[in-house]
Amino acid sequence: MKAASIFFGLVLAHCRPMDGCEPKVTLCIGNVIDVCNADRDYQPLADCDAVSQRTGERFMCAFLDEVTPDGPVRGYACVPAADAGSLTAGDGGAP
């Protein structure tokens, strides 16, 4: 049992991004968006599966690079899957 716990911990550690990131940078890990905080550690920001459950519509993690009336948006966000076809899907860091 102890060996299984250690193995599981190593797998989780391998899946998490390495720290030392640039603050405010976002990335996707599966369908979860992580953001780099002021301490240069990644922390979960949004779970797109949870957004899907709350809204009843499928959301996915995708990279946005666009200008809105409120200013430029560049980073990963949960977007409706129907709108994500022209966007870069998740599983990656900021380009």
PDB file of N, CA and C in Angstrom:
ATOM      1  N   MET A   1       0.837  -1.203   0.000  1.00  0.00           N
ATOM      2  CA  MET A   1       0.000   0.000   0.000  1.00  0.00           C
ATOM      3  C   MET A   1       0.870   1.250   0.000  1.00  0.00           C
ATOM      4  N   LYS A   2       1.944   1.251   0.794  1.00  0.00           N
ATOM      5  CA  LYS A   2       2.817   2.411   0.867  1.00  0.00           C
ATOM      6  C   LYS A   2       3.459   2.682  -0.496  1.00  0.00           C
ATOM      7  N   ALA A   3       3.864   1.618  -1.190  1.00  0.00           N
ATOM      8  CA  ALA A   3       4.472   1.779  -2.518  1.00  0.00           C
ATOM      9  C   ALA A   3       3.486   2.393  -3.496  1.00  0.00           C
ATOM     10  N   ALA A   4       2.223   1.980  -3.415  1.00  0.00           N
ATOM     11  CA  ALA A   4       1.196   2.537  -4.304  1.00  0.00           C
ATOM     12  C   ALA A   4       0.998   4.024  -4.027  1.00  0.00           C
ATOM     13  N   SER A   5       1.016   4.404  -2.757  1.00  0.00           N
ATOM     14  CA  SER A   5       0.857   5.820  -2.396  1.00  0.00           C
ATOM     15  C   SER A   5       2.017   6.656  -2.926  1.00  0.00           C
ATOM     16  N   ILE A   6       3.228   6.116  -2.802  1.00  0.00           N
ATOM     17  CA  ILE A   6       4.405   6.840  -3.304  1.00  0.00           C
ATOM     18  C   ILE A   6       4.323   6.977  -4.812  1.00  0.00           C
ATOM     19  N   PHE A   7       3.959   5.878  -5.496  1.00  0.00           N
ATOM     20  CA  PHE A   7       3.837   5.921  -6.954  1.00  0.00           C
ATOM     21  C   PHE A   7       2.797   6.951  -7.374  1.00  0.00           C
ATOM     22  N   PHE A   8       1.634   6.950  -6.732  1.00  0.00           N
ATOM     23  CA  PHE A   8       0.569   7.898  -7.065  1.00  0.00           C
ATOM     24  C   PHE A   8       1.044   9.326  -6.844  1.00  0.00           C
ATOM     25  N   GLY A   9       1.782   9.562  -5.750  1.00  0.00           N
ATOM     26  CA  GLY A   9       2.312  10.902  -5.483  1.00  0.00           C
ATOM     27  C   GLY A   9       3.296  11.341  -6.546  1.00  0.00           C
ATOM     28  N   LEU A  10       4.135  10.431  -7.015  1.00  0.00           N
ATOM     29  CA  LEU A  10       5.084  10.768  -8.071  1.00  0.00           C
ATOM     30  C   LEU A  10       4.374  11.079  -9.377  1.00  0.00           C
ATOM     31  N   VAL A  11       3.328  10.328  -9.677  1.00  0.00           N
ATOM     32  CA  VAL A  11       2.560  10.584 -10.900  1.00  0.00           C
ATOM     33  C   VAL A  11       1.931  11.965 -10.830  1.00  0.00           C
ATOM     34  N   LEU A  12       1.330  12.306  -9.703  1.00  0.00           N
ATOM     35  CA  LEU A  12       0.720  13.632  -9.561  1.00  0.00           C
ATOM     36  C   LEU A  12       1.774  14.729  -9.646  1.00  0.00           C
ATOM     37  N   ALA A  13       2.905  14.517  -9.022  1.00  0.00           N
ATOM     38  CA  ALA A  13       3.965  15.524  -9.068  1.00  0.00           C
ATOM     39  C   ALA A  13       4.445  15.723 -10.496  1.00  0.00           C
ATOM     40  N   HIS A  14       4.498  14.655 -11.263  1.00  0.00           N
ATOM     41  CA  HIS A  14       4.944  14.759 -12.646  1.00  0.00           C
ATOM     42  C   HIS A  14       3.924  15.516 -13.498  1.00  0.00           C
ATOM     43  N   CYS A  15       2.643  15.404 -13.176  1.00  0.00           N
ATOM     44  CA  CYS A  15       1.600  16.042 -13.977  1.00  0.00           C
ATOM     45  C   CYS A  15       1.486  17.538 -13.705  1.00  0.00           C
ATOM     46  N   ARG A  16       1.909  17.975 -12.557  1.00  0.00           N
ATOM     47  CA  ARG A  16       1.822  19.391 -12.221  1.00  0.00           C
ATOM     48  C   ARG A  16       2.943  20.155 -12.926  1.00  0.00           C
ATOM     49  N   PRO A  17       2.690  21.379 -13.349  1.00  0.00           N
ATOM     50  CA  PRO A  17       3.753  22.172 -13.968  1.00  0.00           C
ATOM     51  C   PRO A  17       4.827  22.523 -12.953  1.00  0.00           C
ATOM     52  N   MET A  18       6.010  22.719 -13.453  1.00  0.00           N
ATOM     53  CA  MET A  18       7.104  23.110 -12.562  1.00  0.00           C
ATOM     54  C   MET A  18       6.907  24.557 -12.123  1.00  0.00           C
ATOM     55  N   ASP A  19       7.311  24.842 -10.903  1.00  0.00           N
ATOM     56  CA  ASP A  19       7.188  26.203 -10.387  1.00  0.00           C
ATOM     57  C   ASP A  19       8.287  27.084 -10.967  1.00  0.00           C
ATOM     58  N   GLY A  20       8.240  28.366 -10.638  1.00  0.00           N
ATOM     59  CA  GLY A  20       9.187  29.325 -11.189  1.00  0.00           C
ATOM     60  C   GLY A  20       8.598  29.984 -12.429  1.00  0.00           C
ATOM     61  N   CYS A  21       7.287  29.968 -12.531  1.00  0.00           N
ATOM     62  CA  CYS A  21       6.582  30.500 -13.694  1.00  0.00           C
ATOM     63  C   CYS A  21       6.499  32.029 -13.640  1.00  0.00           C
ATOM     64  N   GLU A  22       6.060  32.610 -14.725  1.00  0.00           N
ATOM     65  CA  GLU A  22       5.865  34.055 -14.835  1.00  0.00           C
ATOM     66  C   GLU A  22       4.463  34.395 -14.317  1.00  0.00           C
ATOM     67  N   PRO A  23       4.332  35.277 -13.295  1.00  0.00           N
ATOM     68  CA  PRO A  23       3.014  35.601 -12.752  1.00  0.00           C
ATOM     69  C   PRO A  23       2.003  35.983 -13.834  1.00  0.00           C
ATOM     70  N   LYS A  24       0.798  35.520 -13.645  1.00  0.00           N
ATOM     71  CA  LYS A  24      -0.381  35.731 -14.491  1.00  0.00           C
ATOM     72  C   LYS A  24      -0.415  34.848 -15.735  1.00  0.00           C
ATOM     73  N   VAL A  25       0.622  34.034 -15.980  1.00  0.00           N
ATOM     74  CA  VAL A  25       0.600  33.117 -17.114  1.00  0.00           C
ATOM     75  C   VAL A  25      -0.366  31.990 -16.798  1.00  0.00           C
ATOM     76  N   THR A  26      -1.165  31.605 -17.777  1.00  0.00           N
ATOM     77  CA  THR A  26      -2.114  30.516 -17.603  1.00  0.00           C
ATOM     78  C   THR A  26      -1.727  29.336 -18.473  1.00  0.00           C
ATOM     79  N   LEU A  27      -2.197  28.165 -18.070  1.00  0.00           N
ATOM     80  CA  LEU A  27      -2.018  26.958 -18.876  1.00  0.00           C
ATOM     81  C   LEU A  27      -3.126  25.981 -18.551  1.00  0.00           C
ATOM     82  N   CYS A  28      -3.279  24.994 -19.412  1.00  0.00           N
ATOM     83  CA  CYS A  28      -4.288  23.953 -19.204  1.00  0.00           C
ATOM     84  C   CYS A  28      -3.611  22.674 -18.766  1.00  0.00           C
ATOM     85  N   ILE A  29      -4.210  22.037 -17.793  1.00  0.00           N
ATOM     86  CA  ILE A  29      -3.821  20.684 -17.403  1.00  0.00           C
ATOM     87  C   ILE A  29      -5.111  19.889 -17.521  1.00  0.00           C
ATOM     88  N   GLY A  30      -5.221  19.146 -18.617  1.00  0.00           N
ATOM     89  CA  GLY A  30      -6.494  18.493 -18.904  1.00  0.00           C
ATOM     90  C   GLY A  30      -7.521  19.565 -19.219  1.00  0.00           C
ATOM     91  N   ASN A  31      -8.586  19.598 -18.453  1.00  0.00           N
ATOM     92  CA  ASN A  31      -9.631  20.588 -18.670  1.00  0.00           C
ATOM     93  C   ASN A  31      -9.696  21.569 -17.497  1.00  0.00           C
ATOM     94  N   VAL A  32      -8.556  21.740 -16.823  1.00  0.00           N
ATOM     95  CA  VAL A  32      -8.433  22.672 -15.695  1.00  0.00           C
ATOM     96  C   VAL A  32      -7.423  23.749 -16.061  1.00  0.00           C
ATOM     97  N   ILE A  33      -7.772  24.992 -15.782  1.00  0.00           N
ATOM     98  CA  ILE A  33      -6.872  26.111 -16.043  1.00  0.00           C
ATOM     99  C   ILE A  33      -6.095  26.406 -14.763  1.00  0.00           C
ATOM    100  N   ASP A  34      -4.774  26.506 -14.886  1.00  0.00           N
ATOM    101  CA  ASP A  34      -3.909  26.926 -13.780  1.00  0.00           C
ATOM    102  C   ASP A  34      -3.371  28.310 -14.113  1.00  0.00           C
ATOM    103  N   VAL A  35      -3.128  29.103 -13.072  1.00  0.00           N
ATOM    104  CA  VAL A  35      -2.550  30.431 -13.239  1.00  0.00           C
ATOM    105  C   VAL A  35      -1.330  30.536 -12.334  1.00  0.00           C
ATOM    106  N   CYS A  36      -0.319  31.224 -12.799  1.00  0.00           N
ATOM    107  CA  CYS A  36       0.888  31.450 -12.014  1.00  0.00           C
ATOM    108  C   CYS A  36       0.637  32.620 -11.068  1.00  0.00           C
ATOM    109  N   ASN A  37       0.835  32.379  -9.767  1.00  0.00           N
ATOM    110  CA  ASN A  37       0.569  33.426  -8.791  1.00  0.00           C
ATOM    111  C   ASN A  37       1.822  34.274  -8.531  1.00  0.00           C
ATOM    112  N   ALA A  38       1.711  35.233  -7.636  1.00  0.00           N
ATOM    113  CA  ALA A  38       2.822  36.149  -7.335  1.00  0.00           C
ATOM    114  C   ALA A  38       4.018  35.438  -6.719  1.00  0.00           C
ATOM    115  N   ASP A  39       3.797  34.275  -6.115  1.00  0.00           N
ATOM    116  CA  ASP A  39       4.891  33.479  -5.552  1.00  0.00           C
ATOM    117  C   ASP A  39       5.541  32.587  -6.608  1.00  0.00           C
ATOM    118  N   ARG A  40       5.117  32.738  -7.857  1.00  0.00           N
ATOM    119  CA  ARG A  40       5.638  31.960  -8.988  1.00  0.00           C
ATOM    120  C   ARG A  40       5.344  30.471  -8.873  1.00  0.00           C
ATOM    121  N   ASP A  41       4.163  30.170  -8.330  1.00  0.00           N
ATOM    122  CA  ASP A  41       3.657  28.803  -8.244  1.00  0.00           C
ATOM    123  C   ASP A  41       2.344  28.745  -9.015  1.00  0.00           C
ATOM    124  N   TYR A  42       2.113  27.637  -9.706  1.00  0.00           N
ATOM    125  CA  TYR A  42       0.835  27.461 -10.380  1.00  0.00           C
ATOM    126  C   TYR A  42      -0.218  27.028  -9.377  1.00  0.00           C
ATOM    127  N   GLN A  43      -1.423  27.551  -9.555  1.00  0.00           N
ATOM    128  CA  GLN A  43      -2.554  27.153  -8.738  1.00  0.00           C
ATOM    129  C   GLN A  43      -3.774  27.048  -9.633  1.00  0.00           C
ATOM    130  N   PRO A  44      -4.717  26.145  -9.294  1.00  0.00           N
ATOM    131  CA  PRO A  44      -5.924  25.999 -10.116  1.00  0.00           C
ATOM    132  C   PRO A  44      -6.724  27.301 -10.143  1.00  0.00           C
ATOM    133  N   LEU A  45      -7.196  27.639 -11.319  1.00  0.00           N
ATOM    134  CA  LEU A  45      -8.003  28.847 -11.491  1.00  0.00           C
ATOM    135  C   LEU A  45      -9.451  28.489 -11.824  1.00  0.00           C
ATOM    136  N   ALA A  46      -9.635  27.553 -12.754  1.00  0.00           N
ATOM    137  CA  ALA A  46     -10.992  27.185 -13.171  1.00  0.00           C
ATOM    138  C   ALA A  46     -11.004  25.751 -13.670  1.00  0.00           C
ATOM    139  N   ASP A  47     -12.076  25.041 -13.345  1.00  0.00           N
ATOM    140  CA  ASP A  47     -12.290  23.675 -13.816  1.00  0.00           C
ATOM    141  C   ASP A  47     -13.398  23.731 -14.860  1.00  0.00           C
ATOM    142  N   CYS A  48     -13.023  23.537 -16.114  1.00  0.00           N
ATOM    143  CA  CYS A  48     -13.997  23.661 -17.202  1.00  0.00           C
ATOM    144  C   CYS A  48     -15.073  22.581 -17.140  1.00  0.00           C
ATOM    145  N   ASP A  49     -14.762  21.409 -16.565  1.00  0.00           N
ATOM    146  CA  ASP A  49     -15.784  20.376 -16.382  1.00  0.00           C
ATOM    147  C   ASP A  49     -16.838  20.841 -15.376  1.00  0.00           C
ATOM    148  N   ALA A  50     -16.402  21.544 -14.325  1.00  0.00           N
ATOM    149  CA  ALA A  50     -17.349  22.079 -13.342  1.00  0.00           C
ATOM    150  C   ALA A  50     -18.224  23.161 -13.976  1.00  0.00           C
ATOM    151  N   VAL A  51     -17.632  23.976 -14.840  1.00  0.00           N
ATOM    152  CA  VAL A  51     -18.415  24.995 -15.552  1.00  0.00           C
ATOM    153  C   VAL A  51     -19.470  24.301 -16.413  1.00  0.00           C
ATOM    154  N   SER A  52     -19.071  23.213 -17.076  1.00  0.00           N
ATOM    155  CA  SER A  52     -20.010  22.460 -17.917  1.00  0.00           C
ATOM    156  C   SER A  52     -21.176  21.931 -17.089  1.00  0.00           C
ATOM    157  N   GLN A  53     -20.878  21.386 -15.915  1.00  0.00           N
ATOM    158  CA  GLN A  53     -21.932  20.847 -15.053  1.00  0.00           C
ATOM    159  C   GLN A  53     -22.893  21.931 -14.596  1.00  0.00           C
ATOM    160  N   ARG A  54     -22.361  23.100 -14.273  1.00  0.00           N
ATOM    161  CA  ARG A  54     -23.214  24.195 -13.793  1.00  0.00           C
ATOM    162  C   ARG A  54     -24.088  24.785 -14.887  1.00  0.00           C
ATOM    163  N   THR A  55     -23.569  24.831 -16.107  1.00  0.00           N
ATOM    164  CA  THR A  55     -24.295  25.497 -17.183  1.00  0.00           C
ATOM    165  C   THR A  55     -25.129  24.557 -18.037  1.00  0.00           C
ATOM    166  N   GLY A  56     -24.799  23.256 -17.997  1.00  0.00           N
ATOM    167  CA  GLY A  56     -25.495  22.304 -18.856  1.00  0.00           C
ATOM    168  C   GLY A  56     -24.988  22.328 -20.288  1.00  0.00           C
ATOM    169  N   GLU A  57     -23.933  23.074 -20.541  1.00  0.00           N
ATOM    170  CA  GLU A  57     -23.311  23.173 -21.863  1.00  0.00           C
ATOM    171  C   GLU A  57     -21.863  22.720 -21.731  1.00  0.00           C
ATOM    172  N   ARG A  58     -21.321  22.075 -22.757  1.00  0.00           N
ATOM    173  CA  ARG A  58     -19.944  21.582 -22.686  1.00  0.00           C
ATOM    174  C   ARG A  58     -18.950  22.733 -22.870  1.00  0.00           C
ATOM    175  N   PHE A  59     -18.044  22.881 -21.892  1.00  0.00           N
ATOM    176  CA  PHE A  59     -16.972  23.870 -21.957  1.00  0.00           C
ATOM    177  C   PHE A  59     -15.639  23.140 -22.028  1.00  0.00           C
ATOM    178  N   MET A  60     -14.656  23.775 -22.659  1.00  0.00           N
ATOM    179  CA  MET A  60     -13.324  23.201 -22.731  1.00  0.00           C
ATOM    180  C   MET A  60     -12.287  24.299 -22.553  1.00  0.00           C
ATOM    181  N   CYS A  61     -11.113  23.882 -22.157  1.00  0.00           N
ATOM    182  CA  CYS A  61     -10.002  24.816 -21.975  1.00  0.00           C
ATOM    183  C   CYS A  61      -9.408  25.123 -23.348  1.00  0.00           C
ATOM    184  N   ALA A  62      -9.305  26.400 -23.681  1.00  0.00           N
ATOM    185  CA  ALA A  62      -8.757  26.806 -24.980  1.00  0.00           C
ATOM    186  C   ALA A  62      -8.009  28.126 -24.815  1.00  0.00           C
ATOM    187  N   PHE A  63      -7.064  28.354 -25.712  1.00  0.00           N
ATOM    188  CA  PHE A  63      -6.262  29.576 -25.673  1.00  0.00           C
ATOM    189  C   PHE A  63      -6.976  30.688 -26.432  1.00  0.00           C
ATOM    190  N   LEU A  64      -7.100  31.835 -25.795  1.00  0.00           N
ATOM    191  CA  LEU A  64      -7.714  33.012 -26.414  1.00  0.00           C
ATOM    192  C   LEU A  64      -6.639  34.055 -26.688  1.00  0.00           C
ATOM    193  N   ASP A  65      -6.740  34.686 -27.828  1.00  0.00           N
ATOM    194  CA  ASP A  65      -5.858  35.803 -28.176  1.00  0.00           C
ATOM    195  C   ASP A  65      -6.695  36.749 -29.018  1.00  0.00           C
ATOM    196  N   GLU A  66      -7.383  37.651 -28.336  1.00  0.00           N
ATOM    197  CA  GLU A  66      -8.299  38.541 -29.035  1.00  0.00           C
ATOM    198  C   GLU A  66      -8.405  39.875 -28.317  1.00  0.00           C
ATOM    199  N   VAL A  67      -8.939  40.841 -29.012  1.00  0.00           N
ATOM    200  CA  VAL A  67      -9.166  42.165 -28.434  1.00  0.00           C
ATOM    201  C   VAL A  67     -10.663  42.322 -28.216  1.00  0.00           C
ATOM    202  N   THR A  68     -11.034  42.695 -26.987  1.00  0.00           N
ATOM    203  CA  THR A  68     -12.433  42.904 -26.638  1.00  0.00           C
ATOM    204  C   THR A  68     -12.632  44.388 -26.311  1.00  0.00           C
ATOM    205  N   PRO A  69     -13.870  44.830 -26.137  1.00  0.00           N
ATOM    206  CA  PRO A  69     -14.095  46.224 -25.735  1.00  0.00           C
ATOM    207  C   PRO A  69     -13.398  46.589 -24.414  1.00  0.00           C
ATOM    208  N   ASP A  70     -13.132  45.570 -23.579  1.00  0.00           N
ATOM    209  CA  ASP A  70     -12.453  45.815 -22.304  1.00  0.00           C
ATOM    210  C   ASP A  70     -10.937  45.719 -22.412  1.00  0.00           C
ATOM    211  N   GLY A  71     -10.426  45.422 -23.599  1.00  0.00           N
ATOM    212  CA  GLY A  71      -8.988  45.311 -23.788  1.00  0.00           C
ATOM    213  C   GLY A  71      -8.595  43.929 -24.301  1.00  0.00           C
ATOM    214  N   PRO A  72      -7.290  43.720 -24.473  1.00  0.00           N
ATOM    215  CA  PRO A  72      -6.836  42.436 -25.018  1.00  0.00           C
ATOM    216  C   PRO A  72      -6.990  41.289 -24.014  1.00  0.00           C
ATOM    217  N   VAL A  73      -7.285  40.114 -24.557  1.00  0.00           N
ATOM    218  CA  VAL A  73      -7.382  38.895 -23.767  1.00  0.00           C
ATOM    219  C   VAL A  73      -6.420  37.898 -24.394  1.00  0.00           C
ATOM    220  N   ARG A  74      -5.436  37.455 -23.605  1.00  0.00           N
ATOM    221  CA  ARG A  74      -4.461  36.480 -24.101  1.00  0.00           C
ATOM    222  C   ARG A  74      -4.165  35.492 -22.981  1.00  0.00           C
ATOM    223  N   GLY A  75      -4.637  34.278 -23.137  1.00  0.00           N
ATOM    224  CA  GLY A  75      -4.416  33.236 -22.135  1.00  0.00           C
ATOM    225  C   GLY A  75      -5.477  32.163 -22.268  1.00  0.00           C
ATOM    226  N   TYR A  76      -5.403  31.174 -21.391  1.00  0.00           N
ATOM    227  CA  TYR A  76      -6.355  30.069 -21.428  1.00  0.00           C
ATOM    228  C   TYR A  76      -7.614  30.420 -20.664  1.00  0.00           C
ATOM    229  N   ALA A  77      -8.747  29.930 -21.162  1.00  0.00           N
ATOM    230  CA  ALA A  77     -10.042  30.185 -20.543  1.00  0.00           C
ATOM    231  C   ALA A  77     -10.971  29.014 -20.843  1.00  0.00           C
ATOM    232  N   CYS A  78     -12.028  28.886 -20.043  1.00  0.00           N
ATOM    233  CA  CYS A  78     -13.085  27.918 -20.334  1.00  0.00           C
ATOM    234  C   CYS A  78     -14.016  28.564 -21.351  1.00  0.00           C
ATOM    235  N   VAL A  79     -14.143  27.921 -22.495  1.00  0.00           N
ATOM    236  CA  VAL A  79     -15.005  28.451 -23.550  1.00  0.00           C
ATOM    237  C   VAL A  79     -15.997  27.367 -23.962  1.00  0.00           C
ATOM    238  N   PRO A  80     -17.186  27.768 -24.440  1.00  0.00           N
ATOM    239  CA  PRO A  80     -18.123  26.759 -24.926  1.00  0.00           C
ATOM    240  C   PRO A  80     -17.473  25.934 -26.041  1.00  0.00           C
ATOM    241  N   ALA A  81     -17.618  24.625 -25.966  1.00  0.00           N
ATOM    242  CA  ALA A  81     -17.003  23.743 -26.961  1.00  0.00           C
ATOM    243  C   ALA A  81     -17.459  24.097 -28.372  1.00  0.00           C
ATOM    244  N   ALA A  82     -18.687  24.564 -28.519  1.00  0.00           N
ATOM    245  CA  ALA A  82     -19.202  24.938 -29.838  1.00  0.00           C
ATOM    246  C   ALA A  82     -18.430  26.114 -30.421  1.00  0.00           C
ATOM    247  N   ASP A  83     -17.859  26.967 -29.583  1.00  0.00           N
ATOM    248  CA  ASP A  83     -17.101  28.136 -30.031  1.00  0.00           C
ATOM    249  C   ASP A  83     -15.602  27.877 -30.111  1.00  0.00           C
ATOM    250  N   ALA A  84     -15.164  26.720 -29.643  1.00  0.00           N
ATOM    251  CA  ALA A  84     -13.735  26.462 -29.495  1.00  0.00           C
ATOM    252  C   ALA A  84     -13.082  25.929 -30.768  1.00  0.00           C
ATOM    253  N   GLY A  85     -13.836  25.682 -31.806  1.00  0.00           N
ATOM    254  CA  GLY A  85     -13.268  25.102 -33.021  1.00  0.00           C
ATOM    255  C   GLY A  85     -12.154  25.914 -33.621  1.00  0.00           C
ATOM    256  N   SER A  86     -12.223  27.225 -33.528  1.00  0.00           N
ATOM    257  CA  SER A  86     -11.198  28.086 -34.120  1.00  0.00           C
ATOM    258  C   SER A  86     -10.107  28.468 -33.126  1.00  0.00           C
ATOM    259  N   LEU A  87     -10.202  27.935 -31.905  1.00  0.00           N
ATOM    260  CA  LEU A  87      -9.234  28.262 -30.862  1.00  0.00           C
ATOM    261  C   LEU A  87      -8.287  27.085 -30.647  1.00  0.00           C
ATOM    262  N   THR A  88      -7.214  27.329 -29.912  1.00  0.00           N
ATOM    263  CA  THR A  88      -6.266  26.279 -29.585  1.00  0.00           C
ATOM    264  C   THR A  88      -6.758  25.533 -28.360  1.00  0.00           C
ATOM    265  N   ALA A  89      -6.991  24.232 -28.479  1.00  0.00           N
ATOM    266  CA  ALA A  89      -7.495  23.440 -27.353  1.00  0.00           C
ATOM    267  C   ALA A  89      -6.429  23.311 -26.282  1.00  0.00           C
ATOM    268  N   GLY A  90      -6.855  22.844 -25.108  1.00  0.00           N
ATOM    269  CA  GLY A  90      -6.013  22.778 -23.916  1.00  0.00           C
ATOM    270  C   GLY A  90      -4.823  21.854 -23.996  1.00  0.00           C
ATOM    271  N   ASP A  91      -4.345  21.425 -22.816  1.00  0.00           N
ATOM    272  CA  ASP A  91      -3.147  20.598 -22.639  1.00  0.00           C
ATOM    273  C   ASP A  91      -1.907  21.285 -23.120  1.00  0.00           C
ATOM    274  N   GLY A  92      -1.642  22.435 -22.563  1.00  0.00           N
ATOM    275  CA  GLY A  92      -0.397  23.107 -22.923  1.00  0.00           C
ATOM    276  C   GLY A  92      -0.213  24.386 -22.157  1.00  0.00           C
ATOM    277  N   GLY A  93       0.978  24.896 -22.220  1.00  0.00           N
ATOM    278  CA  GLY A  93       1.289  26.165 -21.575  1.00  0.00           C
ATOM    279  C   GLY A  93       1.030  27.307 -22.526  1.00  0.00           C
ATOM    280  N   ALA A  94       1.200  28.481 -22.030  1.00  0.00           N
ATOM    281  CA  ALA A  94       1.002  29.661 -22.876  1.00  0.00           C
ATOM    282  C   ALA A  94       2.051  29.680 -23.972  1.00  0.00           C
ATOM    283  N   PRO A  95       1.671  29.977 -25.205  1.00  0.00           N
ATOM    284  CA  PRO A  95       2.648  30.001 -26.315  1.00  0.00           C
ATOM    285  C   PRO A  95       3.663  31.102 -26.161  1.00  0.00           C
TER     286      PRO A  95
END
